[in-house]
Amino acid sequence: MSHNNLKRTTAMALLVICVVGASAIVTISLEDRFIGPMIVTETRTITLSNMPFNSSVYMSSDVGSCRGPAGYAPCFGGDFSQAELFNCASAASLPSGCTQRVVSSSNPQNSYQITIWYPYVGHSNESLWANCIYADSGDPGQYYGAYCVSISSTAFIVTEPAPPPL
């Protein structure tokens, strides 16, 4: 009898190992399927030396404290790491512009929609230094001049001189 008990124990141990192994394989498979593709980050130094002004503020991904008559509107801040990245340079150059929903980095319930045209010069409300314009859902029908800075061939950020114009 003790020889049979040893066989049962060994079989149970092997079964547990197989089940645990299968569970790990399924978990990895599910993670690959639901988490999405691997994210590769890149660190790059960006020199903003060609800016038409000495000090900049950046359109921020932190939404909530700035509002227009119809809801949330873009906020500008001095923290470059909070700058909203627009990965739509080719669309921004079209007559329809680049339209993107900006969701707050601090409260995902706060957001607004923005359309940016870049490059764009010659709008009647545009400052001389501006090379792009935008309109947002917080202040519909209004167009604001800004200075867009290319970060790559496909992406850009939006800046204004500090302090921002009134």
C-alpha atoms as a PDB file:
ATOM      1  CA  MET A   1       0.000   0.000   0.000  1.00  0.00           C
ATOM      2  CA  SER A   2       2.731   2.434   0.746  1.00  0.00           C
ATOM      3  CA  HIS A   3       4.156   1.911  -2.749  1.00  0.00           C
ATOM      4  CA  ASN A   4       0.745   2.891  -4.262  1.00  0.00           C
ATOM      5  CA  ASN A   5       0.520   5.978  -2.014  1.00  0.00           C
ATOM      6  CA  LEU A   6       3.942   7.095  -3.230  1.00  0.00           C
ATOM      7  CA  LYS A   7       2.794   6.730  -6.863  1.00  0.00           C
ATOM      8  CA  ARG A   8      -0.361   8.765  -6.103  1.00  0.00           C
ATOM      9  CA  THR A   9       1.647  11.485  -4.396  1.00  0.00           C
ATOM     10  CA  THR A  10       4.059  11.661  -7.309  1.00  0.00           C
ATOM     11  CA  ALA A  11       1.193  11.784  -9.804  1.00  0.00           C
ATOM     12  CA  MET A  12      -0.526  14.539  -7.833  1.00  0.00           C
ATOM     13  CA  ALA A  13       2.688  16.518  -7.624  1.00  0.00           C
ATOM     14  CA  LEU A  14       3.204  16.164 -11.369  1.00  0.00           C
ATOM     15  CA  LEU A  15      -0.404  17.159 -11.990  1.00  0.00           C
ATOM     16  CA  VAL A  16      -0.004  20.278  -9.853  1.00  0.00           C
ATOM     17  CA  ILE A  17       3.203  21.206 -11.638  1.00  0.00           C
ATOM     18  CA  CYS A  18       1.502  20.734 -15.021  1.00  0.00           C
ATOM     19  CA  VAL A  19      -1.503  22.787 -13.968  1.00  0.00           C
ATOM     20  CA  VAL A  20       0.695  25.560 -12.607  1.00  0.00           C
ATOM     21  CA  GLY A  21       2.776  25.462 -15.794  1.00  0.00           C
ATOM     22  CA  ALA A  22      -0.341  25.637 -17.969  1.00  0.00           C
ATOM     23  CA  SER A  23      -1.676  28.501 -15.887  1.00  0.00           C
ATOM     24  CA  ALA A  24       1.540  30.440 -16.387  1.00  0.00           C
ATOM     25  CA  ILE A  25       1.426  29.830 -20.121  1.00  0.00           C
ATOM     26  CA  VAL A  26      -2.198  30.970 -20.304  1.00  0.00           C
ATOM     27  CA  THR A  27      -1.406  34.032 -18.205  1.00  0.00           C
ATOM     28  CA  ILE A  28       1.441  35.031 -20.512  1.00  0.00           C
ATOM     29  CA  SER A  29      -0.754  34.426 -23.524  1.00  0.00           C
ATOM     30  CA  LEU A  30      -3.579  36.522 -22.038  1.00  0.00           C
ATOM     31  CA  GLU A  31      -1.188  39.315 -21.091  1.00  0.00           C
ATOM     32  CA  ASP A  32       0.191  39.440 -24.621  1.00  0.00           C
ATOM     33  CA  ARG A  33      -3.333  39.501 -26.045  1.00  0.00           C
ATOM     34  CA  PHE A  34      -4.912  42.113 -23.754  1.00  0.00           C
ATOM     35  CA  ILE A  35      -2.092  44.410 -22.673  1.00  0.00           C
ATOM     36  CA  GLY A  36      -1.082  45.211 -26.223  1.00  0.00           C
ATOM     37  CA  PRO A  37       2.205  45.671 -28.002  1.00  0.00           C
ATOM     38  CA  MET A  38       5.430  46.285 -26.198  1.00  0.00           C
ATOM     39  CA  ILE A  39       6.055  49.973 -25.535  1.00  0.00           C
ATOM     40  CA  VAL A  40       9.499  51.281 -26.364  1.00  0.00           C
ATOM     41  CA  THR A  41      10.484  54.561 -24.779  1.00  0.00           C
ATOM     42  CA  GLU A  42      13.113  56.878 -26.103  1.00  0.00           C
ATOM     43  CA  THR A  43      14.936  59.673 -24.345  1.00  0.00           C
ATOM     44  CA  ARG A  44      16.023  62.543 -26.525  1.00  0.00           C
ATOM     45  CA  THR A  45      17.302  66.053 -25.857  1.00  0.00           C
ATOM     46  CA  ILE A  46      15.257  68.675 -27.645  1.00  0.00           C
ATOM     47  CA  THR A  47      16.743  72.099 -28.068  1.00  0.00           C
ATOM     48  CA  LEU A  48      14.208  74.865 -28.456  1.00  0.00           C
ATOM     49  CA  SER A  49      16.739  77.349 -29.743  1.00  0.00           C
ATOM     50  CA  ASN A  50      14.743  78.656 -32.703  1.00  0.00           C
ATOM     51  CA  MET A  51      11.895  79.949 -30.581  1.00  0.00           C
ATOM     52  CA  PRO A  52      10.706  83.464 -31.429  1.00  0.00           C
ATOM     53  CA  PHE A  53      10.560  84.332 -27.713  1.00  0.00           C
ATOM     54  CA  ASN A  54      12.867  83.930 -24.709  1.00  0.00           C
ATOM     55  CA  SER A  55      10.685  81.882 -22.379  1.00  0.00           C
ATOM     56  CA  SER A  56       7.947  79.382 -23.197  1.00  0.00           C
ATOM     57  CA  VAL A  57       4.918  77.781 -21.657  1.00  0.00           C
ATOM     58  CA  TYR A  58       3.592  74.524 -23.076  1.00  0.00           C
ATOM     59  CA  MET A  59       0.069  73.301 -23.759  1.00  0.00           C
ATOM     60  CA  SER A  60      -0.350  70.925 -20.844  1.00  0.00           C
ATOM     61  CA  SER A  61      -1.895  67.482 -20.582  1.00  0.00           C
ATOM     62  CA  ASP A  62      -3.215  68.530 -17.169  1.00  0.00           C
ATOM     63  CA  VAL A  63      -6.818  69.556 -17.849  1.00  0.00           C
ATOM     64  CA  GLY A  64      -9.252  70.983 -15.336  1.00  0.00           C
ATOM     65  CA  SER A  65      -8.272  74.401 -14.092  1.00  0.00           C
ATOM     66  CA  CYS A  66      -8.793  76.105 -17.460  1.00  0.00           C
ATOM     67  CA  ARG A  67     -12.310  76.539 -18.767  1.00  0.00           C
ATOM     68  CA  GLY A  68     -13.988  78.339 -21.605  1.00  0.00           C
ATOM     69  CA  PRO A  69     -17.669  79.246 -21.960  1.00  0.00           C
ATOM     70  CA  ALA A  70     -18.516  75.702 -23.162  1.00  0.00           C
ATOM     71  CA  GLY A  71     -16.253  73.557 -20.947  1.00  0.00           C
ATOM     72  CA  TYR A  72     -12.637  72.596 -20.430  1.00  0.00           C
ATOM     73  CA  ALA A  73     -10.032  74.415 -22.501  1.00  0.00           C
ATOM     74  CA  PRO A  74      -6.258  74.137 -22.967  1.00  0.00           C
ATOM     75  CA  CYS A  75      -4.006  75.073 -20.072  1.00  0.00           C
ATOM     76  CA  PHE A  76      -0.415  76.200 -20.512  1.00  0.00           C
ATOM     77  CA  GLY A  77       2.333  75.539 -17.988  1.00  0.00           C
ATOM     78  CA  GLY A  78       6.079  75.781 -17.618  1.00  0.00           C
ATOM     79  CA  ASP A  79       6.708  72.057 -17.098  1.00  0.00           C
ATOM     80  CA  PHE A  80       7.968  70.623 -20.387  1.00  0.00           C
ATOM     81  CA  SER A  81       7.351  67.068 -19.136  1.00  0.00           C
ATOM     82  CA  GLN A  82       3.596  67.852 -18.982  1.00  0.00           C
ATOM     83  CA  ALA A  83       3.450  69.151 -22.573  1.00  0.00           C
ATOM     84  CA  GLU A  84       0.718  67.492 -24.612  1.00  0.00           C
ATOM     85  CA  LEU A  85       2.251  65.640 -27.564  1.00  0.00           C
ATOM     86  CA  PHE A  86       0.314  65.776 -30.818  1.00  0.00           C
ATOM     87  CA  ASN A  87       1.279  62.836 -32.992  1.00  0.00           C
ATOM     88  CA  CYS A  88      -0.480  64.056 -36.143  1.00  0.00           C
ATOM     89  CA  ALA A  89       1.832  66.426 -38.000  1.00  0.00           C
ATOM     90  CA  SER A  90       0.669  65.303 -41.439  1.00  0.00           C
ATOM     91  CA  ALA A  91      -3.028  65.771 -40.533  1.00  0.00           C
ATOM     92  CA  ALA A  92      -2.280  69.202 -39.013  1.00  0.00           C
ATOM     93  CA  SER A  93      -1.037  70.394 -42.394  1.00  0.00           C
ATOM     94  CA  LEU A  94      -4.354  69.551 -44.100  1.00  0.00           C
ATOM     95  CA  PRO A  95      -7.290  71.995 -44.369  1.00  0.00           C
ATOM     96  CA  SER A  96      -9.226  69.845 -41.850  1.00  0.00           C
ATOM     97  CA  GLY A  97      -6.355  70.030 -39.332  1.00  0.00           C
ATOM     98  CA  CYS A  98      -5.428  67.564 -36.605  1.00  0.00           C
ATOM     99  CA  THR A  99      -8.312  66.864 -34.232  1.00  0.00           C
ATOM    100  CA  GLN A 100      -7.483  65.179 -30.947  1.00  0.00           C
ATOM    101  CA  ARG A 101      -9.154  64.653 -27.581  1.00  0.00           C
ATOM    102  CA  VAL A 102      -6.901  65.804 -24.737  1.00  0.00           C
ATOM    103  CA  VAL A 103      -7.590  63.815 -21.569  1.00  0.00           C
ATOM    104  CA  SER A 104      -6.273  65.150 -18.277  1.00  0.00           C
ATOM    105  CA  SER A 105      -3.215  63.425 -16.866  1.00  0.00           C
ATOM    106  CA  SER A 106      -4.464  64.175 -13.335  1.00  0.00           C
ATOM    107  CA  ASN A 107      -8.215  63.463 -13.743  1.00  0.00           C
ATOM    108  CA  PRO A 108      -9.250  61.332 -16.754  1.00  0.00           C
ATOM    109  CA  GLN A 109     -12.841  62.628 -16.478  1.00  0.00           C
ATOM    110  CA  ASN A 110     -11.678  66.080 -17.626  1.00  0.00           C
ATOM    111  CA  SER A 111     -11.080  66.473 -21.340  1.00  0.00           C
ATOM    112  CA  TYR A 112     -11.591  68.684 -24.352  1.00  0.00           C
ATOM    113  CA  GLN A 113     -11.323  68.340 -28.108  1.00  0.00           C
ATOM    114  CA  ILE A 114      -8.854  70.457 -30.032  1.00  0.00           C
ATOM    115  CA  THR A 115      -8.120  71.010 -33.712  1.00  0.00           C
ATOM    116  CA  ILE A 116      -4.684  72.337 -34.674  1.00  0.00           C
ATOM    117  CA  TRP A 117      -3.468  73.597 -38.044  1.00  0.00           C
ATOM    118  CA  TYR A 118       0.321  73.489 -38.415  1.00  0.00           C
ATOM    119  CA  PRO A 119       2.027  75.088 -40.180  1.00  0.00           C
ATOM    120  CA  TYR A 120      -0.442  77.902 -40.512  1.00  0.00           C
ATOM    121  CA  VAL A 121       0.251  81.608 -40.854  1.00  0.00           C
ATOM    122  CA  GLY A 122      -1.853  84.570 -41.799  1.00  0.00           C
ATOM    123  CA  HIS A 123      -4.953  84.143 -39.642  1.00  0.00           C
ATOM    124  CA  SER A 124      -6.377  87.536 -38.674  1.00  0.00           C
ATOM    125  CA  ASN A 125      -6.126  86.937 -34.897  1.00  0.00           C
ATOM    126  CA  GLU A 126      -2.631  85.487 -35.071  1.00  0.00           C
ATOM    127  CA  SER A 127       0.428  87.032 -33.410  1.00  0.00           C
ATOM    128  CA  LEU A 128       3.458  87.694 -35.611  1.00  0.00           C
ATOM    129  CA  TRP A 129       5.419  84.899 -33.895  1.00  0.00           C
ATOM    130  CA  ALA A 130       2.673  82.275 -34.369  1.00  0.00           C
ATOM    131  CA  ASN A 131       3.178  79.426 -36.830  1.00  0.00           C
ATOM    132  CA  CYS A 132       0.021  77.444 -35.987  1.00  0.00           C
ATOM    133  CA  ILE A 133      -3.543  78.027 -34.808  1.00  0.00           C
ATOM    134  CA  TYR A 134      -5.978  75.973 -32.766  1.00  0.00           C
ATOM    135  CA  ALA A 135      -9.639  75.885 -31.834  1.00  0.00           C
ATOM    136  CA  ASP A 136     -11.003  73.918 -28.886  1.00  0.00           C
ATOM    137  CA  SER A 137     -14.346  72.637 -27.611  1.00  0.00           C
ATOM    138  CA  GLY A 138     -14.154  74.822 -24.478  1.00  0.00           C
ATOM    139  CA  ASP A 139     -14.369  78.004 -26.539  1.00  0.00           C
ATOM    140  CA  PRO A 140     -16.026  77.081 -29.866  1.00  0.00           C
ATOM    141  CA  GLY A 141     -15.629  79.412 -32.808  1.00  0.00           C
ATOM    142  CA  GLN A 142     -12.488  81.075 -31.420  1.00  0.00           C
ATOM    143  CA  TYR A 143      -9.088  80.562 -33.050  1.00  0.00           C
ATOM    144  CA  TYR A 144      -5.862  81.095 -31.125  1.00  0.00           C
ATOM    145  CA  GLY A 145      -2.373  81.590 -32.503  1.00  0.00           C
ATOM    146  CA  ALA A 146       0.434  79.524 -31.000  1.00  0.00           C
ATOM    147  CA  TYR A 147       3.950  78.392 -31.791  1.00  0.00           C
ATOM    148  CA  CYS A 148       4.191  74.711 -32.656  1.00  0.00           C
ATOM    149  CA  VAL A 149       7.520  72.919 -32.264  1.00  0.00           C
ATOM    150  CA  SER A 150       8.282  69.729 -34.187  1.00  0.00           C
ATOM    151  CA  ILE A 151       9.497  66.959 -31.907  1.00  0.00           C
ATOM    152  CA  SER A 152       9.833  64.402 -34.710  1.00  0.00           C
ATOM    153  CA  SER A 153       8.662  64.047 -38.300  1.00  0.00           C
ATOM    154  CA  THR A 154       5.207  63.043 -37.016  1.00  0.00           C
ATOM    155  CA  ALA A 155       4.816  64.833 -33.671  1.00  0.00           C
ATOM    156  CA  PHE A 156       4.788  68.356 -32.268  1.00  0.00           C
ATOM    157  CA  ILE A 157       4.003  70.332 -29.108  1.00  0.00           C
ATOM    158  CA  VAL A 158       2.226  73.689 -28.759  1.00  0.00           C
ATOM    159  CA  THR A 159       3.881  76.627 -26.992  1.00  0.00           C
ATOM    160  CA  GLU A 160       3.276  80.287 -26.242  1.00  0.00           C
ATOM    161  CA  PRO A 161       5.525  82.966 -24.817  1.00  0.00           C
ATOM    162  CA  ALA A 162       5.580  83.129 -21.035  1.00  0.00           C
ATOM    163  CA  PRO A 163       3.524  84.691 -19.548  1.00  0.00           C
ATOM    164  CA  PRO A 164       0.758  83.767 -21.980  1.00  0.00           C
ATOM    165  CA  PRO A 165      -0.969  86.569 -23.854  1.00  0.00           C
ATOM    166  CA  LEU A 166      -4.248  87.731 -22.336  1.00  0.00           C
END
